[in-house]
N, C-alpha and C. Protein backbone atom coordinates (compact mmCIF):
# COMPACT_ATOMS: atom_id res chain seq x y z
N MET A 1 12.29 0.70 12.61
CA MET A 1 11.34 0.47 11.53
C MET A 1 11.54 1.55 10.47
N SER A 2 11.62 1.12 9.24
CA SER A 2 11.86 2.04 8.14
C SER A 2 10.58 2.79 7.75
N VAL A 3 10.65 4.12 7.70
CA VAL A 3 9.57 4.98 7.23
C VAL A 3 10.19 6.00 6.28
N PRO A 4 10.27 5.67 4.99
CA PRO A 4 10.92 6.57 4.03
C PRO A 4 10.31 7.98 4.04
N ALA A 5 11.18 8.98 4.00
CA ALA A 5 10.76 10.38 4.11
C ALA A 5 10.03 10.90 2.87
N GLU A 6 10.20 10.25 1.72
CA GLU A 6 9.62 10.78 0.49
C GLU A 6 8.21 10.28 0.20
N LEU A 7 7.64 9.47 1.09
CA LEU A 7 6.32 8.88 0.84
C LEU A 7 5.25 9.50 1.72
N GLY A 8 3.97 9.32 1.31
CA GLY A 8 2.83 9.66 2.14
C GLY A 8 2.24 8.37 2.70
N TYR A 9 1.50 8.46 3.81
CA TYR A 9 1.03 7.27 4.50
C TYR A 9 -0.44 7.41 4.91
N THR A 10 -1.07 6.24 5.14
CA THR A 10 -2.43 6.24 5.67
C THR A 10 -2.43 5.54 7.02
N SER A 11 -3.50 5.76 7.77
CA SER A 11 -3.62 5.09 9.07
C SER A 11 -3.89 3.60 8.90
N GLU A 12 -4.22 3.18 7.66
CA GLU A 12 -4.43 1.76 7.37
C GLU A 12 -3.13 1.09 6.92
N HIS A 13 -2.02 1.82 7.02
CA HIS A 13 -0.67 1.30 6.76
C HIS A 13 -0.35 1.07 5.29
N GLU A 14 -0.95 1.89 4.43
CA GLU A 14 -0.51 1.91 3.04
C GLU A 14 0.44 3.10 2.86
N TRP A 15 1.35 2.97 1.90
CA TRP A 15 2.19 4.11 1.53
C TRP A 15 1.86 4.52 0.10
N VAL A 16 2.17 5.78 -0.24
CA VAL A 16 1.86 6.33 -1.55
C VAL A 16 3.05 7.16 -2.03
N SER A 17 3.40 6.97 -3.30
CA SER A 17 4.39 7.80 -3.96
C SER A 17 3.74 8.34 -5.23
N VAL A 18 3.73 9.66 -5.41
CA VAL A 18 3.08 10.26 -6.57
C VAL A 18 4.13 10.84 -7.52
N THR A 19 4.05 10.41 -8.79
CA THR A 19 4.92 10.93 -9.84
C THR A 19 4.09 11.19 -11.08
N ASP A 20 4.09 12.43 -11.55
CA ASP A 20 3.39 12.81 -12.78
C ASP A 20 1.93 12.35 -12.81
N GLY A 21 1.23 12.53 -11.70
CA GLY A 21 -0.19 12.21 -11.65
C GLY A 21 -0.52 10.74 -11.46
N VAL A 22 0.48 9.91 -11.24
CA VAL A 22 0.27 8.49 -11.00
C VAL A 22 0.79 8.13 -9.60
N ALA A 23 -0.08 7.52 -8.81
CA ALA A 23 0.29 7.11 -7.45
C ALA A 23 0.67 5.64 -7.43
N THR A 24 1.82 5.35 -6.87
CA THR A 24 2.22 3.97 -6.62
C THR A 24 1.86 3.67 -5.18
N VAL A 25 1.23 2.50 -4.94
CA VAL A 25 0.70 2.15 -3.63
C VAL A 25 1.29 0.83 -3.16
N GLY A 26 1.61 0.78 -1.88
CA GLY A 26 2.06 -0.46 -1.27
C GLY A 26 1.67 -0.48 0.19
N ILE A 27 2.03 -1.54 0.90
CA ILE A 27 1.81 -1.55 2.35
C ILE A 27 3.15 -1.30 3.03
N THR A 28 3.09 -0.72 4.20
CA THR A 28 4.32 -0.32 4.90
C THR A 28 5.06 -1.52 5.47
N ALA A 29 6.32 -1.29 5.80
CA ALA A 29 7.13 -2.33 6.44
C ALA A 29 6.52 -2.74 7.77
N TYR A 30 5.94 -1.78 8.49
CA TYR A 30 5.28 -2.08 9.77
C TYR A 30 4.15 -3.08 9.55
N ALA A 31 3.31 -2.82 8.54
CA ALA A 31 2.18 -3.71 8.25
C ALA A 31 2.68 -5.07 7.78
N ALA A 32 3.69 -5.06 6.92
CA ALA A 32 4.22 -6.33 6.41
C ALA A 32 4.79 -7.17 7.54
N GLU A 33 5.49 -6.52 8.47
CA GLU A 33 6.06 -7.26 9.61
C GLU A 33 4.95 -7.80 10.51
N ALA A 34 3.90 -7.00 10.72
CA ALA A 34 2.79 -7.44 11.56
C ALA A 34 2.06 -8.62 10.94
N LEU A 35 1.97 -8.63 9.61
CA LEU A 35 1.28 -9.73 8.92
C LEU A 35 2.08 -11.03 8.99
N GLY A 36 3.39 -10.91 8.99
CA GLY A 36 4.22 -12.12 8.95
C GLY A 36 4.41 -12.59 7.52
N GLU A 37 4.50 -13.88 7.34
CA GLU A 37 4.76 -14.42 6.01
C GLU A 37 3.55 -14.23 5.10
N ILE A 38 3.70 -13.41 4.07
CA ILE A 38 2.60 -13.12 3.16
C ILE A 38 2.54 -14.21 2.09
N VAL A 39 1.35 -14.79 1.93
CA VAL A 39 1.21 -15.94 1.03
C VAL A 39 0.31 -15.66 -0.18
N TYR A 40 -0.43 -14.54 -0.15
CA TYR A 40 -1.34 -14.24 -1.25
C TYR A 40 -1.63 -12.75 -1.30
N VAL A 41 -1.65 -12.19 -2.50
CA VAL A 41 -2.00 -10.78 -2.69
C VAL A 41 -3.06 -10.70 -3.77
N GLU A 42 -4.16 -10.01 -3.45
CA GLU A 42 -5.19 -9.74 -4.44
C GLU A 42 -5.28 -8.24 -4.61
N ALA A 43 -4.72 -7.75 -5.70
CA ALA A 43 -4.73 -6.32 -6.00
C ALA A 43 -5.95 -6.01 -6.86
N PRO A 44 -6.35 -4.73 -6.93
CA PRO A 44 -7.47 -4.38 -7.81
C PRO A 44 -7.10 -4.62 -9.27
N GLU A 45 -8.11 -4.78 -10.11
CA GLU A 45 -7.87 -5.04 -11.53
C GLU A 45 -7.51 -3.75 -12.27
N VAL A 46 -6.65 -3.89 -13.27
CA VAL A 46 -6.32 -2.76 -14.14
C VAL A 46 -7.60 -2.29 -14.82
N GLY A 47 -7.81 -0.98 -14.80
CA GLY A 47 -9.00 -0.41 -15.40
C GLY A 47 -10.12 -0.15 -14.41
N SER A 48 -10.01 -0.71 -13.21
CA SER A 48 -11.05 -0.49 -12.21
C SER A 48 -10.83 0.86 -11.53
N SER A 49 -11.91 1.40 -11.01
CA SER A 49 -11.84 2.66 -10.26
C SER A 49 -11.68 2.35 -8.78
N VAL A 50 -10.88 3.14 -8.11
CA VAL A 50 -10.71 3.00 -6.66
C VAL A 50 -11.04 4.34 -6.01
N THR A 51 -11.50 4.23 -4.77
CA THR A 51 -11.89 5.42 -4.01
C THR A 51 -11.12 5.43 -2.70
N ALA A 52 -10.58 6.58 -2.36
CA ALA A 52 -9.80 6.71 -1.13
C ALA A 52 -10.61 6.23 0.08
N GLY A 53 -10.00 5.38 0.88
CA GLY A 53 -10.62 4.88 2.09
C GLY A 53 -11.45 3.62 1.91
N GLU A 54 -11.66 3.19 0.66
CA GLU A 54 -12.45 1.98 0.43
C GLU A 54 -11.54 0.79 0.11
N THR A 55 -12.02 -0.40 0.44
CA THR A 55 -11.21 -1.59 0.18
C THR A 55 -11.11 -1.84 -1.32
N CYS A 56 -9.96 -2.36 -1.73
CA CYS A 56 -9.76 -2.62 -3.16
C CYS A 56 -8.97 -3.91 -3.39
N GLY A 57 -8.68 -4.64 -2.33
CA GLY A 57 -7.96 -5.88 -2.46
C GLY A 57 -7.69 -6.47 -1.09
N GLU A 58 -6.85 -7.50 -1.06
CA GLU A 58 -6.50 -8.07 0.25
C GLU A 58 -5.13 -8.71 0.21
N VAL A 59 -4.56 -8.83 1.39
CA VAL A 59 -3.28 -9.48 1.58
C VAL A 59 -3.50 -10.59 2.61
N GLU A 60 -3.09 -11.79 2.24
CA GLU A 60 -3.26 -12.93 3.14
C GLU A 60 -1.89 -13.40 3.61
N SER A 61 -1.80 -13.61 4.91
CA SER A 61 -0.55 -14.12 5.48
C SER A 61 -0.85 -15.40 6.23
N THR A 62 0.19 -15.99 6.79
CA THR A 62 -0.02 -17.19 7.58
C THR A 62 -0.76 -16.88 8.87
N LYS A 63 -0.83 -15.57 9.23
CA LYS A 63 -1.51 -15.15 10.46
C LYS A 63 -2.95 -14.72 10.24
N SER A 64 -3.20 -14.01 9.10
CA SER A 64 -4.53 -13.43 8.91
C SER A 64 -4.73 -12.95 7.48
N VAL A 65 -5.92 -12.46 7.20
CA VAL A 65 -6.23 -11.81 5.93
C VAL A 65 -6.54 -10.35 6.25
N SER A 66 -5.92 -9.43 5.52
CA SER A 66 -6.14 -8.01 5.74
C SER A 66 -6.58 -7.35 4.45
N ASP A 67 -7.52 -6.41 4.59
CA ASP A 67 -7.96 -5.64 3.44
C ASP A 67 -6.89 -4.64 3.04
N ILE A 68 -6.86 -4.34 1.74
CA ILE A 68 -6.06 -3.24 1.22
C ILE A 68 -7.03 -2.10 0.96
N TYR A 69 -6.74 -0.93 1.53
CA TYR A 69 -7.58 0.25 1.33
C TYR A 69 -6.87 1.17 0.35
N SER A 70 -7.61 1.66 -0.62
CA SER A 70 -7.00 2.61 -1.54
C SER A 70 -6.76 3.93 -0.82
N PRO A 71 -5.57 4.48 -0.91
CA PRO A 71 -5.31 5.78 -0.30
C PRO A 71 -5.67 6.95 -1.20
N VAL A 72 -6.08 6.65 -2.44
CA VAL A 72 -6.34 7.71 -3.42
C VAL A 72 -7.56 7.37 -4.27
N ASP A 73 -8.08 8.40 -4.97
CA ASP A 73 -9.16 8.22 -5.95
C ASP A 73 -8.54 8.14 -7.34
N GLY A 74 -9.08 7.25 -8.18
CA GLY A 74 -8.60 7.21 -9.56
C GLY A 74 -8.81 5.87 -10.20
N GLU A 75 -8.11 5.65 -11.32
CA GLU A 75 -8.23 4.42 -12.09
C GLU A 75 -6.93 3.63 -11.99
N VAL A 76 -7.06 2.35 -11.72
CA VAL A 76 -5.88 1.48 -11.63
C VAL A 76 -5.29 1.31 -13.03
N VAL A 77 -4.02 1.65 -13.18
CA VAL A 77 -3.38 1.57 -14.49
C VAL A 77 -2.32 0.46 -14.57
N GLU A 78 -1.92 -0.07 -13.42
CA GLU A 78 -0.93 -1.14 -13.42
C GLU A 78 -1.00 -1.90 -12.10
N VAL A 79 -0.83 -3.21 -12.19
CA VAL A 79 -0.76 -4.06 -11.00
C VAL A 79 0.58 -4.76 -11.03
N ASN A 80 1.20 -4.86 -9.87
CA ASN A 80 2.51 -5.51 -9.78
C ASN A 80 2.33 -7.02 -9.83
N GLN A 81 2.44 -7.56 -11.02
CA GLN A 81 2.24 -9.00 -11.22
C GLN A 81 3.25 -9.82 -10.42
N SER A 82 4.44 -9.28 -10.21
CA SER A 82 5.47 -10.06 -9.52
C SER A 82 5.10 -10.34 -8.06
N VAL A 83 4.34 -9.43 -7.40
CA VAL A 83 3.94 -9.74 -6.02
C VAL A 83 2.78 -10.73 -5.97
N GLU A 84 1.99 -10.77 -7.06
CA GLU A 84 0.95 -11.79 -7.09
C GLU A 84 1.58 -13.16 -7.32
N ASP A 85 2.66 -13.19 -8.10
CA ASP A 85 3.36 -14.45 -8.34
C ASP A 85 4.25 -14.84 -7.16
N ASP A 86 4.81 -13.84 -6.46
CA ASP A 86 5.73 -14.08 -5.34
C ASP A 86 5.38 -13.13 -4.19
N PRO A 87 4.30 -13.43 -3.45
CA PRO A 87 3.80 -12.52 -2.41
C PRO A 87 4.82 -12.17 -1.33
N GLU A 88 5.81 -13.01 -1.10
CA GLU A 88 6.81 -12.71 -0.06
C GLU A 88 7.57 -11.43 -0.36
N THR A 89 7.57 -10.98 -1.63
CA THR A 89 8.25 -9.74 -1.99
C THR A 89 7.67 -8.55 -1.21
N VAL A 90 6.38 -8.59 -0.90
CA VAL A 90 5.76 -7.49 -0.15
C VAL A 90 6.45 -7.33 1.21
N GLY A 91 6.78 -8.43 1.84
CA GLY A 91 7.44 -8.36 3.14
C GLY A 91 8.93 -8.12 3.05
N SER A 92 9.57 -8.64 2.01
CA SER A 92 11.03 -8.51 1.92
C SER A 92 11.47 -7.17 1.35
N ASP A 93 10.63 -6.50 0.56
CA ASP A 93 11.00 -5.21 -0.05
C ASP A 93 9.74 -4.34 -0.19
N PRO A 94 9.11 -3.96 0.94
CA PRO A 94 7.80 -3.29 0.88
C PRO A 94 7.81 -1.95 0.15
N TYR A 95 8.92 -1.23 0.19
CA TYR A 95 8.97 0.10 -0.45
C TYR A 95 9.63 0.05 -1.83
N GLY A 96 10.03 -1.11 -2.28
CA GLY A 96 10.69 -1.25 -3.58
C GLY A 96 9.91 -2.17 -4.48
N GLN A 97 10.41 -3.38 -4.67
CA GLN A 97 9.78 -4.34 -5.57
C GLN A 97 8.43 -4.84 -5.04
N GLY A 98 8.10 -4.54 -3.79
CA GLY A 98 6.85 -5.02 -3.19
C GLY A 98 5.66 -4.09 -3.36
N TRP A 99 5.77 -3.07 -4.23
CA TRP A 99 4.61 -2.20 -4.46
C TRP A 99 3.45 -3.04 -4.99
N LEU A 100 2.21 -2.56 -4.81
CA LEU A 100 1.04 -3.36 -5.16
C LEU A 100 0.36 -2.94 -6.46
N PHE A 101 0.07 -1.63 -6.59
CA PHE A 101 -0.62 -1.16 -7.80
C PHE A 101 -0.38 0.33 -8.01
N LYS A 102 -0.69 0.78 -9.24
CA LYS A 102 -0.53 2.19 -9.59
C LYS A 102 -1.88 2.73 -10.03
N VAL A 103 -2.15 3.97 -9.63
CA VAL A 103 -3.43 4.62 -9.89
C VAL A 103 -3.20 5.96 -10.58
N GLU A 104 -3.90 6.17 -11.72
CA GLU A 104 -3.90 7.49 -12.33
C GLU A 104 -4.86 8.33 -11.50
N LEU A 105 -4.33 9.37 -10.90
CA LEU A 105 -5.10 10.13 -9.92
C LEU A 105 -6.22 10.94 -10.53
N ALA A 106 -7.40 10.88 -9.90
CA ALA A 106 -8.51 11.74 -10.26
C ALA A 106 -8.27 13.13 -9.68
N GLN A 107 -7.59 13.18 -8.55
CA GLN A 107 -7.23 14.43 -7.87
C GLN A 107 -6.06 14.14 -6.95
N ASP A 108 -5.35 15.18 -6.58
CA ASP A 108 -4.21 14.97 -5.68
C ASP A 108 -4.71 14.45 -4.34
N PRO A 109 -4.00 13.48 -3.76
CA PRO A 109 -4.40 12.97 -2.44
C PRO A 109 -4.28 14.07 -1.39
N GLU A 110 -5.26 14.14 -0.50
CA GLU A 110 -5.30 15.23 0.47
C GLU A 110 -5.07 14.79 1.91
N ASP A 111 -5.39 13.56 2.22
CA ASP A 111 -5.39 13.16 3.62
C ASP A 111 -4.25 12.23 4.00
N LEU A 112 -3.14 12.30 3.29
CA LEU A 112 -2.02 11.42 3.61
C LEU A 112 -1.25 11.96 4.81
N MET A 113 -0.70 11.04 5.57
CA MET A 113 0.09 11.40 6.73
C MET A 113 1.55 11.64 6.30
N THR A 114 2.22 12.52 7.01
CA THR A 114 3.64 12.72 6.79
C THR A 114 4.40 11.56 7.42
N PRO A 115 5.66 11.37 7.06
CA PRO A 115 6.45 10.31 7.71
C PRO A 115 6.49 10.47 9.23
N GLU A 116 6.55 11.71 9.71
CA GLU A 116 6.60 11.95 11.16
C GLU A 116 5.28 11.54 11.81
N GLN A 117 4.16 11.89 11.16
CA GLN A 117 2.86 11.50 11.71
C GLN A 117 2.70 9.98 11.70
N TYR A 118 3.15 9.34 10.62
CA TYR A 118 3.02 7.88 10.56
C TYR A 118 3.91 7.21 11.60
N THR A 119 5.10 7.74 11.80
CA THR A 119 5.99 7.18 12.82
C THR A 119 5.33 7.27 14.20
N SER A 120 4.69 8.40 14.50
CA SER A 120 3.99 8.54 15.78
C SER A 120 2.87 7.53 15.91
N LEU A 121 2.16 7.29 14.79
CA LEU A 121 1.06 6.32 14.80
C LEU A 121 1.57 4.92 15.15
N ILE A 122 2.61 4.48 14.46
CA ILE A 122 3.07 3.09 14.70
C ILE A 122 3.77 2.96 16.05
N GLU A 123 4.38 4.03 16.54
CA GLU A 123 4.96 3.97 17.88
C GLU A 123 3.86 3.85 18.93
N GLY A 124 2.70 4.46 18.64
CA GLY A 124 1.56 4.35 19.55
C GLY A 124 0.92 2.99 19.53
N GLU A 125 1.06 2.26 18.40
CA GLU A 125 0.48 0.92 18.28
C GLU A 125 1.41 -0.16 18.81
N SER A 126 2.68 0.16 18.96
CA SER A 126 3.67 -0.85 19.39
C SER A 126 3.57 -1.12 20.89
């Protein structure tokens, strides 16, 4: 299972990449594989505020519907329209074209897991 070393992770299986005060958020390959075929993505709206640990959208697959939890505090500045138009991208390229939304950070994220910690988490769930 791919766990890129340059990202931060949450126990809810979101990943975060921070560049110049903007966090890019997606769901991990582990979560995408567990969901199966993703058929619908509802990301938060541009301009809305998100709070770390609170739900801000959902991902629907042929197996279930799962909440998306924001891993950071801030304002949504961009939503990946291509995954809303083609939800399968989340499963086929979760760390690339399958990102979900970008947040201008209110503060640096503090509670993200390292790749090693996240790997231990998913190995414990397998």
